[in-house]
Amino acid sequence: MRGTRTWTAAVGAAATLAIASGCAPGTLDDDPASTDAGTSASPSPSASPSPTQEPVEPTEPATFTTQNGTTSFTLPAGWTVRDTSSLSLDHDGEDVWSNSLVLVDASGADRITYFDPIADGVGAAGDAFDVVQALPLQHRIVAAAWWVSYGAASGTTTYSVQAALVEDPSNPSAVIAISGGLATAAGVLEGIPECAAIGSEAAAVACLESDAVTETLEVLARYEPHDVPGGAMP
């Protein structure tokens, strides 16, 4: 069986990745200069990939692609990616490549997580929900921010907030289809001051209208899927 390989990109360790300039709509630099993350000598055919040069933090918007090519994100200047993707075993005991990314902003805060492949998750049904912000992508996917309320029947209503890529904003769920499976790309909202205490609909809306959540959606909207067969390896 192939050994597990953990690869960290641009945060905490060197990475074998190519960061190319990205041109995406939005508030990022309209004409970003190409960014070279550095090149390393090609390994011999018998050698496994290994980092040979410390990564260079991008100073312009740049594109990061998963190791097996399933997905790309255009990163704002100063953002980096922590990549802990590795081999795992499926239910048949066969090797499968699992992508696991955290997009980190220029201050070092975790902002977005991405995983593929995933199971088709089904959450608890809420009493009510509302999409507060939504940015359509070119791929019939929407970067949405929404709240859900629970517990009305018990007399104690609680609220949760999410910002993620969804396929149907009329019934938002943070699961999207990719070539060969399912994925999730979602914002990390816990560290956002406006999202620290959500005890009412008004507080949920204030969280989801915050500048940090708007920025999260703008980065999620720079997601790019690729046509990669299921089970593809790096």
C-alpha atoms as a PDB file:
ATOM      1  CA  MET A   1       0.000   0.000   0.000  1.00  0.00           C
ATOM      2  CA  ARG A   2       1.260   3.502  -0.747  1.00  0.00           C
ATOM      3  CA  GLY A   3       2.442   5.438   2.245  1.00  0.00           C
ATOM      4  CA  THR A   4       0.665   8.492   3.516  1.00  0.00           C
ATOM      5  CA  ARG A   5       2.213  11.743   2.338  1.00  0.00           C
ATOM      6  CA  THR A   6       1.446  14.994   4.139  1.00  0.00           C
ATOM      7  CA  TRP A   7       2.207  18.159   2.237  1.00  0.00           C
ATOM      8  CA  THR A   8       1.997  21.666   3.731  1.00  0.00           C
ATOM      9  CA  ALA A   9       1.854  24.650   1.371  1.00  0.00           C
ATOM     10  CA  ALA A  10       3.264  28.047   2.274  1.00  0.00           C
ATOM     11  CA  VAL A  11       2.545  27.766   6.014  1.00  0.00           C
ATOM     12  CA  GLY A  12       4.743  25.876   8.450  1.00  0.00           C
ATOM     13  CA  ALA A  13       6.701  23.916   5.848  1.00  0.00           C
ATOM     14  CA  ALA A  14       7.989  23.943   2.311  1.00  0.00           C
ATOM     15  CA  ALA A  15       5.776  22.723  -0.494  1.00  0.00           C
ATOM     16  CA  THR A  16       6.082  21.282  -3.935  1.00  0.00           C
ATOM     17  CA  LEU A  17       3.473  23.342  -5.720  1.00  0.00           C
ATOM     18  CA  ALA A  18       3.223  25.867  -8.506  1.00  0.00           C
ATOM     19  CA  ILE A  19       1.564  29.168  -7.686  1.00  0.00           C
ATOM     20  CA  ALA A  20       0.655  30.952 -10.899  1.00  0.00           C
ATOM     21  CA  SER A  21      -0.870  34.373 -11.278  1.00  0.00           C
ATOM     22  CA  GLY A  22      -4.673  34.374 -11.070  1.00  0.00           C
ATOM     23  CA  CYS A  23      -7.041  36.725 -12.833  1.00  0.00           C
ATOM     24  CA  ALA A  24     -10.460  36.662 -11.227  1.00  0.00           C
ATOM     25  CA  PRO A  25     -13.277  39.160 -10.932  1.00  0.00           C
ATOM     26  CA  GLY A  26     -13.780  41.129  -7.769  1.00  0.00           C
ATOM     27  CA  THR A  27     -11.871  43.508  -5.575  1.00  0.00           C
ATOM     28  CA  LEU A  28      -8.470  41.967  -6.025  1.00  0.00           C
ATOM     29  CA  ASP A  29      -5.854  43.541  -8.287  1.00  0.00           C
ATOM     30  CA  ASP A  30      -7.410  43.817 -11.745  1.00  0.00           C
ATOM     31  CA  ASP A  31      -4.106  43.206 -13.455  1.00  0.00           C
ATOM     32  CA  PRO A  32      -2.051  41.068 -11.063  1.00  0.00           C
ATOM     33  CA  ALA A  33       1.555  40.415 -11.960  1.00  0.00           C
ATOM     34  CA  SER A  34       2.495  36.801 -12.266  1.00  0.00           C
ATOM     35  CA  THR A  35       3.827  35.307  -9.053  1.00  0.00           C
ATOM     36  CA  ASP A  36       6.524  32.660  -9.065  1.00  0.00           C
ATOM     37  CA  ALA A  37       6.594  30.527  -5.934  1.00  0.00           C
ATOM     38  CA  GLY A  38      10.095  29.377  -6.789  1.00  0.00           C
ATOM     39  CA  THR A  39      11.276  26.357  -8.702  1.00  0.00           C
ATOM     40  CA  SER A  40      13.334  23.431  -7.583  1.00  0.00           C
ATOM     41  CA  ALA A  41      15.429  20.946  -9.474  1.00  0.00           C
ATOM     42  CA  SER A  42      13.502  18.016 -10.916  1.00  0.00           C
ATOM     43  CA  PRO A  43      13.842  14.860  -8.800  1.00  0.00           C
ATOM     44  CA  SER A  44      15.229  11.682 -10.303  1.00  0.00           C
ATOM     45  CA  PRO A  45      12.535   9.293 -11.576  1.00  0.00           C
ATOM     46  CA  SER A  46      13.000   7.004  -8.570  1.00  0.00           C
ATOM     47  CA  ALA A  47      12.700   9.743  -5.970  1.00  0.00           C
ATOM     48  CA  SER A  48       9.441  10.717  -4.312  1.00  0.00           C
ATOM     49  CA  PRO A  49       8.476  14.426  -4.446  1.00  0.00           C
ATOM     50  CA  SER A  50      10.146  16.409  -1.697  1.00  0.00           C
ATOM     51  CA  PRO A  51      10.482  20.135  -1.040  1.00  0.00           C
ATOM     52  CA  THR A  52      13.836  21.627  -1.961  1.00  0.00           C
ATOM     53  CA  GLN A  53      13.134  25.313  -1.432  1.00  0.00           C
ATOM     54  CA  GLU A  54      11.306  27.365   1.169  1.00  0.00           C
ATOM     55  CA  PRO A  55       8.003  28.682  -0.258  1.00  0.00           C
ATOM     56  CA  VAL A  56       7.694  32.369  -1.042  1.00  0.00           C
ATOM     57  CA  GLU A  57       4.631  34.101   0.331  1.00  0.00           C
ATOM     58  CA  PRO A  58       2.724  35.634  -2.588  1.00  0.00           C
ATOM     59  CA  THR A  59       2.572  39.425  -2.691  1.00  0.00           C
ATOM     60  CA  GLU A  60      -0.002  39.487  -5.508  1.00  0.00           C
ATOM     61  CA  PRO A  61      -3.145  37.418  -6.072  1.00  0.00           C
ATOM     62  CA  ALA A  62      -2.050  33.878  -6.959  1.00  0.00           C
ATOM     63  CA  THR A  63      -3.700  30.577  -7.807  1.00  0.00           C
ATOM     64  CA  PHE A  64      -3.373  27.461  -5.645  1.00  0.00           C
ATOM     65  CA  THR A  65      -4.403  24.057  -7.038  1.00  0.00           C
ATOM     66  CA  THR A  66      -4.939  20.839  -5.097  1.00  0.00           C
ATOM     67  CA  GLN A  67      -2.224  18.240  -5.538  1.00  0.00           C
ATOM     68  CA  ASN A  68      -4.357  15.993  -7.748  1.00  0.00           C
ATOM     69  CA  GLY A  69      -5.820  18.910  -9.685  1.00  0.00           C
ATOM     70  CA  THR A  70      -9.450  18.776  -8.558  1.00  0.00           C
ATOM     71  CA  THR A  71      -9.824  22.415  -7.513  1.00  0.00           C
ATOM     72  CA  SER A  72      -8.116  25.816  -7.605  1.00  0.00           C
ATOM     73  CA  PHE A  73      -8.538  28.959  -5.517  1.00  0.00           C
ATOM     74  CA  THR A  74      -7.267  32.439  -6.323  1.00  0.00           C
ATOM     75  CA  LEU A  75      -5.712  33.811  -3.130  1.00  0.00           C
ATOM     76  CA  PRO A  76      -5.669  37.476  -2.135  1.00  0.00           C
ATOM     77  CA  ALA A  77      -2.202  39.006  -1.740  1.00  0.00           C
ATOM     78  CA  GLY A  78      -0.580  37.727   1.462  1.00  0.00           C
ATOM     79  CA  TRP A  79      -2.887  34.705   1.857  1.00  0.00           C
ATOM     80  CA  THR A  80      -1.357  31.230   2.011  1.00  0.00           C
ATOM     81  CA  VAL A  81      -2.541  27.613   2.084  1.00  0.00           C
ATOM     82  CA  ARG A  82      -1.933  24.930   4.695  1.00  0.00           C
ATOM     83  CA  ASP A  83      -2.212  21.641   2.821  1.00  0.00           C
ATOM     84  CA  THR A  84      -2.436  18.400   4.810  1.00  0.00           C
ATOM     85  CA  SER A  85      -3.760  16.302   1.924  1.00  0.00           C
ATOM     86  CA  SER A  86      -2.746  12.642   2.033  1.00  0.00           C
ATOM     87  CA  LEU A  87      -3.554   9.081   1.092  1.00  0.00           C
ATOM     88  CA  SER A  88      -6.323   7.359   3.021  1.00  0.00           C
ATOM     89  CA  LEU A  89      -8.291   4.127   2.658  1.00  0.00           C
ATOM     90  CA  ASP A  90     -11.790   3.873   1.243  1.00  0.00           C
ATOM     91  CA  HIS A  91     -14.428   1.395   2.476  1.00  0.00           C
ATOM     92  CA  ASP A  92     -12.923  -1.280   0.227  1.00  0.00           C
ATOM     93  CA  GLY A  93      -9.458  -0.813   1.716  1.00  0.00           C
ATOM     94  CA  GLU A  94      -8.139   0.847  -1.447  1.00  0.00           C
ATOM     95  CA  ASP A  95      -5.923   3.925  -1.511  1.00  0.00           C
ATOM     96  CA  VAL A  96      -7.777   7.184  -2.169  1.00  0.00           C
ATOM     97  CA  TRP A  97      -6.354  10.700  -2.277  1.00  0.00           C
ATOM     98  CA  SER A  98      -8.008  13.088   0.227  1.00  0.00           C
ATOM     99  CA  ASN A  99      -7.551  16.825  -0.251  1.00  0.00           C
ATOM    100  CA  SER A 100      -7.539  18.852   2.965  1.00  0.00           C
ATOM    101  CA  LEU A 101      -6.796  22.585   2.767  1.00  0.00           C
ATOM    102  CA  VAL A 102      -6.982  25.602   5.034  1.00  0.00           C
ATOM    103  CA  LEU A 103      -6.769  29.041   3.423  1.00  0.00           C
ATOM    104  CA  VAL A 104      -4.979  31.409   5.794  1.00  0.00           C
ATOM    105  CA  ASP A 105      -5.157  35.193   5.583  1.00  0.00           C
ATOM    106  CA  ALA A 106      -2.254  37.632   5.754  1.00  0.00           C
ATOM    107  CA  SER A 107      -2.603  37.944   9.550  1.00  0.00           C
ATOM    108  CA  GLY A 108      -2.224  34.167  10.008  1.00  0.00           C
ATOM    109  CA  ALA A 109      -5.894  33.480  10.775  1.00  0.00           C
ATOM    110  CA  ASP A 110      -7.635  30.400   9.340  1.00  0.00           C
ATOM    111  CA  ARG A 111     -10.372  31.670   7.008  1.00  0.00           C
ATOM    112  CA  ILE A 112     -11.591  28.891   4.697  1.00  0.00           C
ATOM    113  CA  THR A 113     -11.486  25.089   4.768  1.00  0.00           C
ATOM    114  CA  TYR A 114     -11.746  22.814   1.743  1.00  0.00           C
ATOM    115  CA  PHE A 115     -12.132  19.017   1.677  1.00  0.00           C
ATOM    116  CA  ASP A 116     -12.641  16.474  -1.095  1.00  0.00           C
ATOM    117  CA  PRO A 117     -13.900  13.851  -1.455  1.00  0.00           C
ATOM    118  CA  ILE A 118     -16.550  13.845   1.277  1.00  0.00           C
ATOM    119  CA  ALA A 119     -19.681  11.893   2.117  1.00  0.00           C
ATOM    120  CA  ASP A 120     -23.040  13.481   1.376  1.00  0.00           C
ATOM    121  CA  GLY A 121     -23.676  15.093   4.756  1.00  0.00           C
ATOM    122  CA  VAL A 122     -27.213  15.793   5.948  1.00  0.00           C
ATOM    123  CA  GLY A 123     -27.619  18.244   8.800  1.00  0.00           C
ATOM    124  CA  ALA A 124     -30.465  18.682  11.257  1.00  0.00           C
ATOM    125  CA  ALA A 125     -33.510  20.432   9.824  1.00  0.00           C
ATOM    126  CA  GLY A 126     -33.932  23.995  11.011  1.00  0.00           C
ATOM    127  CA  ASP A 127     -37.070  26.008  11.718  1.00  0.00           C
ATOM    128  CA  ALA A 128     -36.152  28.911   9.464  1.00  0.00           C
ATOM    129  CA  PHE A 129     -33.234  30.256   7.451  1.00  0.00           C
ATOM    130  CA  ASP A 130     -32.277  33.262   5.386  1.00  0.00           C
ATOM    131  CA  VAL A 131     -29.482  33.880   2.884  1.00  0.00           C
ATOM    132  CA  VAL A 132     -27.971  37.258   3.771  1.00  0.00           C
ATOM    133  CA  GLN A 133     -25.306  37.487   1.046  1.00  0.00           C
ATOM    134  CA  ALA A 134     -24.764  35.534  -2.182  1.00  0.00           C
ATOM    135  CA  LEU A 135     -22.201  35.769  -4.988  1.00  0.00           C
ATOM    136  CA  PRO A 136     -22.929  33.645  -8.097  1.00  0.00           C
ATOM    137  CA  LEU A 137     -20.020  31.819  -9.743  1.00  0.00           C
ATOM    138  CA  GLN A 138     -19.683  30.714 -13.356  1.00  0.00           C
ATOM    139  CA  HIS A 139     -20.190  27.050 -12.472  1.00  0.00           C
ATOM    140  CA  ARG A 140     -23.821  27.087 -11.253  1.00  0.00           C
ATOM    141  CA  ILE A 141     -22.450  27.400  -7.733  1.00  0.00           C
ATOM    142  CA  VAL A 142     -23.054  30.258  -5.300  1.00  0.00           C
ATOM    143  CA  ALA A 143     -20.871  31.611  -2.500  1.00  0.00           C
ATOM    144  CA  ALA A 144     -23.542  32.187   0.149  1.00  0.00           C
ATOM    145  CA  ALA A 145     -23.770  33.371   3.755  1.00  0.00           C
ATOM    146  CA  TRP A 146     -26.868  32.290   5.682  1.00  0.00           C
ATOM    147  CA  TRP A 147     -28.304  31.713   9.133  1.00  0.00           C
ATOM    148  CA  VAL A 148     -30.476  28.860  10.390  1.00  0.00           C
ATOM    149  CA  SER A 149     -32.650  28.856  13.517  1.00  0.00           C
ATOM    150  CA  TYR A 150     -33.505  25.809  15.638  1.00  0.00           C
ATOM    151  CA  GLY A 151     -35.622  24.919  18.657  1.00  0.00           C
ATOM    152  CA  ALA A 152     -38.721  27.044  18.158  1.00  0.00           C
ATOM    153  CA  ALA A 153     -40.961  24.203  19.353  1.00  0.00           C
ATOM    154  CA  SER A 154     -39.083  24.010  22.650  1.00  0.00           C
ATOM    155  CA  GLY A 155     -39.418  27.725  23.267  1.00  0.00           C
ATOM    156  CA  THR A 156     -35.646  28.295  23.082  1.00  0.00           C
ATOM    157  CA  THR A 157     -34.427  29.401  19.675  1.00  0.00           C
ATOM    158  CA  THR A 158     -30.765  29.089  18.734  1.00  0.00           C
ATOM    159  CA  TYR A 159     -28.988  30.297  15.623  1.00  0.00           C
ATOM    160  CA  SER A 160     -26.115  29.076  13.503  1.00  0.00           C
ATOM    161  CA  VAL A 161     -24.331  30.936  10.725  1.00  0.00           C
ATOM    162  CA  GLN A 162     -22.470  29.616   7.688  1.00  0.00           C
ATOM    163  CA  ALA A 163     -20.593  30.946   4.676  1.00  0.00           C
ATOM    164  CA  ALA A 164     -19.869  28.328   2.021  1.00  0.00           C
ATOM    165  CA  LEU A 165     -20.138  27.260  -1.576  1.00  0.00           C
ATOM    166  CA  VAL A 166     -23.646  25.925  -2.233  1.00  0.00           C
ATOM    167  CA  GLU A 167     -25.504  24.606  -5.259  1.00  0.00           C
ATOM    168  CA  ASP A 168     -28.999  25.762  -4.310  1.00  0.00           C
ATOM    169  CA  PRO A 169     -29.277  28.979  -2.276  1.00  0.00           C
ATOM    170  CA  SER A 170     -33.011  28.360  -1.906  1.00  0.00           C
ATOM    171  CA  ASN A 171     -32.041  25.361   0.241  1.00  0.00           C
ATOM    172  CA  PRO A 172     -28.405  26.002   1.183  1.00  0.00           C
ATOM    173  CA  SER A 173     -26.106  23.125   2.079  1.00  0.00           C
ATOM    174  CA  ALA A 174     -22.306  23.322   2.228  1.00  0.00           C
ATOM    175  CA  VAL A 175     -21.812  20.358  -0.139  1.00  0.00           C
ATOM    176  CA  ILE A 176     -21.021  20.739  -3.838  1.00  0.00           C
ATOM    177  CA  ALA A 177     -20.508  18.237  -6.627  1.00  0.00           C
ATOM    178  CA  ILE A 178     -17.080  18.025  -8.235  1.00  0.00           C
ATOM    179  CA  SER A 179     -15.767  15.792 -10.972  1.00  0.00           C
ATOM    180  CA  GLY A 180     -15.796  12.308  -9.461  1.00  0.00           C
ATOM    181  CA  GLY A 181     -17.371  13.100  -6.090  1.00  0.00           C
ATOM    182  CA  LEU A 182     -18.431  15.726  -3.549  1.00  0.00           C
ATOM    183  CA  ALA A 183     -16.574  18.523  -1.783  1.00  0.00           C
ATOM    184  CA  THR A 184     -17.081  21.215   0.819  1.00  0.00           C
ATOM    185  CA  ALA A 185     -15.596  24.724   0.894  1.00  0.00           C
ATOM    186  CA  ALA A 186     -16.654  26.763   3.912  1.00  0.00           C
ATOM    187  CA  GLY A 187     -15.642  29.869   5.812  1.00  0.00           C
ATOM    188  CA  VAL A 188     -14.179  29.725   9.325  1.00  0.00           C
ATOM    189  CA  LEU A 189     -16.385  32.238  11.148  1.00  0.00           C
ATOM    190  CA  GLU A 190     -15.491  31.522  14.782  1.00  0.00           C
ATOM    191  CA  GLY A 191     -12.664  34.068  14.915  1.00  0.00           C
ATOM    192  CA  ILE A 192     -14.702  36.947  13.442  1.00  0.00           C
ATOM    193  CA  PRO A 193     -15.653  39.413  16.230  1.00  0.00           C
ATOM    194  CA  GLU A 194     -19.132  40.072  14.810  1.00  0.00           C
ATOM    195  CA  CYS A 195     -19.788  36.314  14.837  1.00  0.00           C
ATOM    196  CA  ALA A 196     -18.656  35.677  18.418  1.00  0.00           C
ATOM    197  CA  ALA A 197     -22.142  35.580  19.979  1.00  0.00           C
ATOM    198  CA  ILE A 198     -25.160  34.747  17.845  1.00  0.00           C
ATOM    199  CA  GLY A 199     -28.196  34.929  20.105  1.00  0.00           C
ATOM    200  CA  SER A 200     -30.727  36.484  17.763  1.00  0.00           C
ATOM    201  CA  GLU A 201     -31.600  36.918  14.107  1.00  0.00           C
ATOM    202  CA  ALA A 202     -30.247  40.464  14.235  1.00  0.00           C
ATOM    203  CA  ALA A 203     -26.901  39.214  15.565  1.00  0.00           C
ATOM    204  CA  ALA A 204     -26.770  36.546  12.863  1.00  0.00           C
ATOM    205  CA  VAL A 205     -27.394  39.143  10.161  1.00  0.00           C
ATOM    206  CA  ALA A 206     -24.741  41.464  11.627  1.00  0.00           C
ATOM    207  CA  CYS A 207     -22.233  38.603  11.521  1.00  0.00           C
ATOM    208  CA  LEU A 208     -23.058  37.667   7.936  1.00  0.00           C
ATOM    209  CA  GLU A 209     -22.954  41.289   6.753  1.00  0.00           C
ATOM    210  CA  SER A 210     -19.526  41.910   8.331  1.00  0.00           C
ATOM    211  CA  ASP A 211     -16.550  42.865   6.198  1.00  0.00           C
ATOM    212  CA  ALA A 212     -14.771  39.621   7.124  1.00  0.00           C
ATOM    213  CA  VAL A 213     -17.647  37.445   5.895  1.00  0.00           C
ATOM    214  CA  THR A 214     -17.905  39.525   2.712  1.00  0.00           C
ATOM    215  CA  GLU A 215     -14.182  38.923   2.118  1.00  0.00           C
ATOM    216  CA  THR A 216     -14.666  35.202   2.768  1.00  0.00           C
ATOM    217  CA  LEU A 217     -17.372  35.059   0.104  1.00  0.00           C
ATOM    218  CA  GLU A 218     -15.195  36.959  -2.362  1.00  0.00           C
ATOM    219  CA  VAL A 219     -12.411  34.391  -1.939  1.00  0.00           C
ATOM    220  CA  LEU A 220     -14.861  31.466  -2.147  1.00  0.00           C
ATOM    221  CA  ALA A 221     -16.157  32.993  -5.391  1.00  0.00           C
ATOM    222  CA  ARG A 222     -12.688  32.536  -6.873  1.00  0.00           C
ATOM    223  CA  TYR A 223     -13.078  28.766  -6.659  1.00  0.00           C
ATOM    224  CA  GLU A 224     -12.398  26.917  -9.914  1.00  0.00           C
ATOM    225  CA  PRO A 225     -13.340  23.227 -10.395  1.00  0.00           C
ATOM    226  CA  HIS A 226     -11.399  21.012 -12.793  1.00  0.00           C
ATOM    227  CA  ASP A 227     -12.443  17.947 -14.749  1.00  0.00           C
ATOM    228  CA  VAL A 228     -10.423  15.276 -12.963  1.00  0.00           C
ATOM    229  CA  PRO A 229     -11.448  11.595 -12.910  1.00  0.00           C
ATOM    230  CA  GLY A 230     -12.562  10.198  -9.563  1.00  0.00           C
ATOM    231  CA  GLY A 231      -9.708   8.566  -7.700  1.00  0.00           C
ATOM    232  CA  ALA A 232      -7.034  10.679  -9.424  1.00  0.00           C
ATOM    233  CA  MET A 233      -3.673  10.718  -7.646  1.00  0.00           C
ATOM    234  CA  PRO A 234      -1.086  13.528  -7.606  1.00  0.00           C
END
